[in-house]
Amino acid sequence: MSTNGTYLSIKNPDGSNLALTSLNNGGSFIDTQTPPTTGTYAILVDPENTNTGSMTLTLYSVPADASATVTIGGSSATLTTTVPGQNAQVTFSGTSGQQATVHFTNSSLSWTFIKLLNPDGSQLTSTYQFGSNFDLSTQTLPATGTYTVTINPDGTTVGSITVSVSNP
């Protein structure tokens, strides 16, 4: 089936959309969803116009995010995702006014969306990266507390990435 113009949605028990995406000929992926209520959910494939044919859908049971804690200037941590939709996160403690650079090495995750979150959960910086080795730009930490680096692999990508934090 030509999937251009085809919509895929996950329907809540009340019929409203939990998630919706349009498909392309290369396929598509709806990231991890948390059902808001108990009940029966449905997956709806809605082809455009007169498109007919078949497609394979895969539903994953996604484990908790891979996680680790590092220290500024300390050892690195390697995190591994094993199921599409699983993310990873690293935390580290910082002090207001301290500079920190987050380093990523040996990544097998291809395109990855990275965020550095402040202790209050707001975003300090982010990037969408491709490659096995890259860094976030050096940041001056605005508050004392625990910072979180979230690592969200694109699509169905699974693999590992090593994270460390230095002063600059």
C-alpha atoms as a PDB file:
ATOM      1  CA  MET A   1       0.000   0.000   0.000  1.00  0.00           C
ATOM      2  CA  SER A   2       1.189   3.500  -0.710  1.00  0.00           C
ATOM      3  CA  THR A   3       1.221   5.083   2.730  1.00  0.00           C
ATOM      4  CA  ASN A   4       1.530   8.697   1.583  1.00  0.00           C
ATOM      5  CA  GLY A   5      -1.534  10.493   2.903  1.00  0.00           C
ATOM      6  CA  THR A   6      -2.372   7.681   5.326  1.00  0.00           C
ATOM      7  CA  TYR A   7      -3.039   8.564   8.941  1.00  0.00           C
ATOM      8  CA  LEU A   8      -2.381   6.349  11.925  1.00  0.00           C
ATOM      9  CA  SER A   9      -3.952   7.118  15.276  1.00  0.00           C
ATOM     10  CA  ILE A  10      -4.208   5.594  18.709  1.00  0.00           C
ATOM     11  CA  LYS A  11      -7.725   6.081  20.033  1.00  0.00           C
ATOM     12  CA  ASN A  12      -8.586   6.472  23.721  1.00  0.00           C
ATOM     13  CA  PRO A  13     -11.446   4.365  25.112  1.00  0.00           C
ATOM     14  CA  ASP A  14     -13.776   7.375  24.593  1.00  0.00           C
ATOM     15  CA  GLY A  15     -12.795   7.591  20.886  1.00  0.00           C
ATOM     16  CA  SER A  16     -10.634  10.713  21.178  1.00  0.00           C
ATOM     17  CA  ASN A  17      -7.063  10.693  19.850  1.00  0.00           C
ATOM     18  CA  LEU A  18      -4.242   9.739  22.192  1.00  0.00           C
ATOM     19  CA  ALA A  19      -1.738  10.112  19.318  1.00  0.00           C
ATOM     20  CA  LEU A  20      -1.919  10.843  15.590  1.00  0.00           C
ATOM     21  CA  THR A  21       0.659  10.782  12.797  1.00  0.00           C
ATOM     22  CA  SER A  22       0.731  10.789   9.025  1.00  0.00           C
ATOM     23  CA  LEU A  23       2.678   8.014   7.365  1.00  0.00           C
ATOM     24  CA  ASN A  24       5.164   8.168   4.529  1.00  0.00           C
ATOM     25  CA  ASN A  25       6.459   5.403   2.272  1.00  0.00           C
ATOM     26  CA  GLY A  26       9.366   4.816   4.654  1.00  0.00           C
ATOM     27  CA  GLY A  27       7.013   4.155   7.558  1.00  0.00           C
ATOM     28  CA  SER A  28       6.439   6.129  10.700  1.00  0.00           C
ATOM     29  CA  PHE A  29       6.743   5.897  14.460  1.00  0.00           C
ATOM     30  CA  ILE A  30       4.592   7.145  17.327  1.00  0.00           C
ATOM     31  CA  ASP A  31       6.791   7.646  20.388  1.00  0.00           C
ATOM     32  CA  THR A  32       5.932   6.206  23.798  1.00  0.00           C
ATOM     33  CA  GLN A  33       2.462   7.113  25.020  1.00  0.00           C
ATOM     34  CA  THR A  34       1.113   6.865  28.554  1.00  0.00           C
ATOM     35  CA  PRO A  35      -2.553   5.853  28.546  1.00  0.00           C
ATOM     36  CA  PRO A  36      -4.503   8.384  30.629  1.00  0.00           C
ATOM     37  CA  THR A  37      -7.146   5.900  31.752  1.00  0.00           C
ATOM     38  CA  THR A  38      -7.890   2.198  32.002  1.00  0.00           C
ATOM     39  CA  GLY A  39      -9.827   0.725  29.110  1.00  0.00           C
ATOM     40  CA  THR A  40      -9.598  -0.597  25.577  1.00  0.00           C
ATOM     41  CA  TYR A  41      -7.519   1.405  23.120  1.00  0.00           C
ATOM     42  CA  ALA A  42      -7.722   1.081  19.353  1.00  0.00           C
ATOM     43  CA  ILE A  43      -5.282   1.684  16.516  1.00  0.00           C
ATOM     44  CA  LEU A  44      -6.878   3.218  13.436  1.00  0.00           C
ATOM     45  CA  VAL A  45      -5.278   3.133   9.973  1.00  0.00           C
ATOM     46  CA  ASP A  46      -7.008   5.662   7.721  1.00  0.00           C
ATOM     47  CA  PRO A  47      -5.739   5.510   4.087  1.00  0.00           C
ATOM     48  CA  GLU A  48      -6.276   8.484   1.829  1.00  0.00           C
ATOM     49  CA  ASN A  49      -8.567   8.276  -1.206  1.00  0.00           C
ATOM     50  CA  THR A  50      -8.663   4.802  -2.770  1.00  0.00           C
ATOM     51  CA  ASN A  51      -5.440   3.412  -1.304  1.00  0.00           C
ATOM     52  CA  THR A  52      -5.706  -0.262  -0.428  1.00  0.00           C
ATOM     53  CA  GLY A  53      -3.259  -2.928   0.655  1.00  0.00           C
ATOM     54  CA  SER A  54      -1.662  -4.111   3.853  1.00  0.00           C
ATOM     55  CA  MET A  55       0.832  -2.913   6.416  1.00  0.00           C
ATOM     56  CA  THR A  56       2.515  -4.303   9.480  1.00  0.00           C
ATOM     57  CA  LEU A  57       2.096  -2.511  12.801  1.00  0.00           C
ATOM     58  CA  THR A  58       4.297  -3.237  15.810  1.00  0.00           C
ATOM     59  CA  LEU A  59       3.348  -2.343  19.376  1.00  0.00           C
ATOM     60  CA  TYR A  60       6.216  -2.253  21.890  1.00  0.00           C
ATOM     61  CA  SER A  61       6.130  -2.685  25.643  1.00  0.00           C
ATOM     62  CA  VAL A  62       8.594   0.023  26.644  1.00  0.00           C
ATOM     63  CA  PRO A  63      10.651  -0.382  29.840  1.00  0.00           C
ATOM     64  CA  ALA A  64      11.605   2.490  32.126  1.00  0.00           C
ATOM     65  CA  ASP A  65      14.195   4.927  30.828  1.00  0.00           C
ATOM     66  CA  ALA A  66      17.820   3.850  31.179  1.00  0.00           C
ATOM     67  CA  SER A  67      19.358   6.104  33.828  1.00  0.00           C
ATOM     68  CA  ALA A  68      22.635   6.948  35.526  1.00  0.00           C
ATOM     69  CA  THR A  69      24.222   9.606  37.705  1.00  0.00           C
ATOM     70  CA  VAL A  70      27.583  11.240  36.951  1.00  0.00           C
ATOM     71  CA  THR A  71      29.601  14.015  38.569  1.00  0.00           C
ATOM     72  CA  ILE A  72      31.190  17.036  36.940  1.00  0.00           C
ATOM     73  CA  GLY A  73      34.769  16.040  36.180  1.00  0.00           C
ATOM     74  CA  GLY A  74      34.063  12.422  37.172  1.00  0.00           C
ATOM     75  CA  SER A  75      33.683   9.156  35.304  1.00  0.00           C
ATOM     76  CA  SER A  76      31.378   8.686  32.350  1.00  0.00           C
ATOM     77  CA  ALA A  77      28.289   6.474  32.256  1.00  0.00           C
ATOM     78  CA  THR A  78      27.147   4.293  29.368  1.00  0.00           C
ATOM     79  CA  LEU A  79      23.404   3.954  28.891  1.00  0.00           C
ATOM     80  CA  THR A  80      21.698   1.416  26.646  1.00  0.00           C
ATOM     81  CA  THR A  81      18.186   1.435  25.225  1.00  0.00           C
ATOM     82  CA  THR A  82      16.797  -1.950  24.218  1.00  0.00           C
ATOM     83  CA  VAL A  83      13.291  -1.240  22.890  1.00  0.00           C
ATOM     84  CA  PRO A  84      12.123   1.423  20.410  1.00  0.00           C
ATOM     85  CA  GLY A  85      10.600   4.326  22.346  1.00  0.00           C
ATOM     86  CA  GLN A  86      12.833   3.842  25.392  1.00  0.00           C
ATOM     87  CA  ASN A  87      14.761   6.960  26.368  1.00  0.00           C
ATOM     88  CA  ALA A  88      17.707   7.539  28.687  1.00  0.00           C
ATOM     89  CA  GLN A  89      18.621  10.158  31.261  1.00  0.00           C
ATOM     90  CA  VAL A  90      21.676  11.188  33.211  1.00  0.00           C
ATOM     91  CA  THR A  91      21.661  13.401  36.290  1.00  0.00           C
ATOM     92  CA  PHE A  92      24.451  15.428  37.845  1.00  0.00           C
ATOM     93  CA  SER A  93      24.721  17.962  40.663  1.00  0.00           C
ATOM     94  CA  GLY A  94      25.793  21.509  39.909  1.00  0.00           C
ATOM     95  CA  THR A  95      26.267  24.819  41.668  1.00  0.00           C
ATOM     96  CA  SER A  96      24.920  28.198  40.613  1.00  0.00           C
ATOM     97  CA  GLY A  97      27.502  29.953  38.405  1.00  0.00           C
ATOM     98  CA  GLN A  98      29.471  26.762  37.701  1.00  0.00           C
ATOM     99  CA  GLN A  99      30.258  25.974  34.050  1.00  0.00           C
ATOM    100  CA  ALA A 100      29.468  22.533  32.667  1.00  0.00           C
ATOM    101  CA  THR A 101      29.885  20.830  29.300  1.00  0.00           C
ATOM    102  CA  VAL A 102      28.024  17.582  28.599  1.00  0.00           C
ATOM    103  CA  HIS A 103      29.951  15.170  26.347  1.00  0.00           C
ATOM    104  CA  PHE A 104      28.527  12.244  24.357  1.00  0.00           C
ATOM    105  CA  THR A 105      30.785   9.512  22.956  1.00  0.00           C
ATOM    106  CA  ASN A 106      30.452   6.098  21.342  1.00  0.00           C
ATOM    107  CA  SER A 107      26.821   6.724  20.406  1.00  0.00           C
ATOM    108  CA  SER A 108      25.134   4.112  18.240  1.00  0.00           C
ATOM    109  CA  LEU A 109      21.788   5.945  18.402  1.00  0.00           C
ATOM    110  CA  SER A 110      22.034   7.925  15.100  1.00  0.00           C
ATOM    111  CA  TRP A 111      19.693  10.956  15.286  1.00  0.00           C
ATOM    112  CA  THR A 112      19.036  11.828  18.912  1.00  0.00           C
ATOM    113  CA  PHE A 113      17.172  14.679  20.623  1.00  0.00           C
ATOM    114  CA  ILE A 114      19.075  15.840  23.718  1.00  0.00           C
ATOM    115  CA  LYS A 115      17.848  18.245  26.418  1.00  0.00           C
ATOM    116  CA  LEU A 116      19.626  19.644  29.454  1.00  0.00           C
ATOM    117  CA  LEU A 117      17.058  20.441  32.137  1.00  0.00           C
ATOM    118  CA  ASN A 118      17.469  22.781  35.104  1.00  0.00           C
ATOM    119  CA  PRO A 119      16.744  21.535  38.644  1.00  0.00           C
ATOM    120  CA  ASP A 120      13.195  22.955  38.306  1.00  0.00           C
ATOM    121  CA  GLY A 121      12.601  20.914  35.118  1.00  0.00           C
ATOM    122  CA  SER A 122      12.770  23.850  32.702  1.00  0.00           C
ATOM    123  CA  GLN A 123      14.981  23.483  29.640  1.00  0.00           C
ATOM    124  CA  LEU A 124      18.466  25.017  29.755  1.00  0.00           C
ATOM    125  CA  THR A 125      19.537  23.928  26.245  1.00  0.00           C
ATOM    126  CA  SER A 126      18.809  21.267  23.635  1.00  0.00           C
ATOM    127  CA  THR A 127      20.095  19.831  20.369  1.00  0.00           C
ATOM    128  CA  TYR A 128      19.137  17.305  17.708  1.00  0.00           C
ATOM    129  CA  GLN A 129      22.344  15.425  16.932  1.00  0.00           C
ATOM    130  CA  PHE A 130      23.668  12.798  14.566  1.00  0.00           C
ATOM    131  CA  GLY A 131      27.031  11.177  15.135  1.00  0.00           C
ATOM    132  CA  SER A 132      28.950   9.034  17.528  1.00  0.00           C
ATOM    133  CA  ASN A 133      30.722  11.899  19.371  1.00  0.00           C
ATOM    134  CA  PHE A 134      29.367  15.375  20.167  1.00  0.00           C
ATOM    135  CA  ASP A 135      29.020  17.923  22.989  1.00  0.00           C
ATOM    136  CA  LEU A 136      26.369  20.307  24.241  1.00  0.00           C
ATOM    137  CA  SER A 137      27.584  23.879  24.289  1.00  0.00           C
ATOM    138  CA  THR A 138      29.158  24.895  27.606  1.00  0.00           C
ATOM    139  CA  GLN A 139      26.511  26.217  30.015  1.00  0.00           C
ATOM    140  CA  THR A 140      26.773  28.429  33.070  1.00  0.00           C
ATOM    141  CA  LEU A 141      24.484  26.702  35.552  1.00  0.00           C
ATOM    142  CA  PRO A 142      21.816  29.107  36.833  1.00  0.00           C
ATOM    143  CA  ALA A 143      20.956  27.316  40.077  1.00  0.00           C
ATOM    144  CA  THR A 144      22.321  24.868  42.611  1.00  0.00           C
ATOM    145  CA  GLY A 145      20.725  21.440  42.357  1.00  0.00           C
ATOM    146  CA  THR A 146      20.357  18.321  40.233  1.00  0.00           C
ATOM    147  CA  TYR A 147      20.478  18.731  36.449  1.00  0.00           C
ATOM    148  CA  THR A 148      19.000  16.156  34.086  1.00  0.00           C
ATOM    149  CA  VAL A 149      20.177  15.263  30.581  1.00  0.00           C
ATOM    150  CA  THR A 150      17.405  13.554  28.593  1.00  0.00           C
ATOM    151  CA  ILE A 151      18.318  11.412  25.605  1.00  0.00           C
ATOM    152  CA  ASN A 152      15.497  10.607  23.167  1.00  0.00           C
ATOM    153  CA  PRO A 153      16.582   8.420  20.207  1.00  0.00           C
ATOM    154  CA  ASP A 154      14.726   9.154  16.973  1.00  0.00           C
ATOM    155  CA  GLY A 155      12.139   6.662  15.761  1.00  0.00           C
ATOM    156  CA  THR A 156      12.842   2.977  16.322  1.00  0.00           C
ATOM    157  CA  THR A 157      16.541   3.463  17.068  1.00  0.00           C
ATOM    158  CA  VAL A 158      18.032   1.494  19.973  1.00  0.00           C
ATOM    159  CA  GLY A 159      21.624   1.336  21.140  1.00  0.00           C
ATOM    160  CA  SER A 160      24.038   2.870  23.580  1.00  0.00           C
ATOM    161  CA  ILE A 161      25.636   6.216  24.358  1.00  0.00           C
ATOM    162  CA  THR A 162      28.319   7.274  26.841  1.00  0.00           C
ATOM    163  CA  VAL A 163      27.832  10.540  28.765  1.00  0.00           C
ATOM    164  CA  SER A 164      30.213  12.602  30.877  1.00  0.00           C
ATOM    165  CA  VAL A 165      30.230  16.162  32.214  1.00  0.00           C
ATOM    166  CA  SER A 166      33.268  18.414  32.566  1.00  0.00           C
ATOM    167  CA  ASN A 167      33.968  21.924  33.833  1.00  0.00           C
ATOM    168  CA  PRO A 168      34.351  23.301  30.668  1.00  0.00           C
END
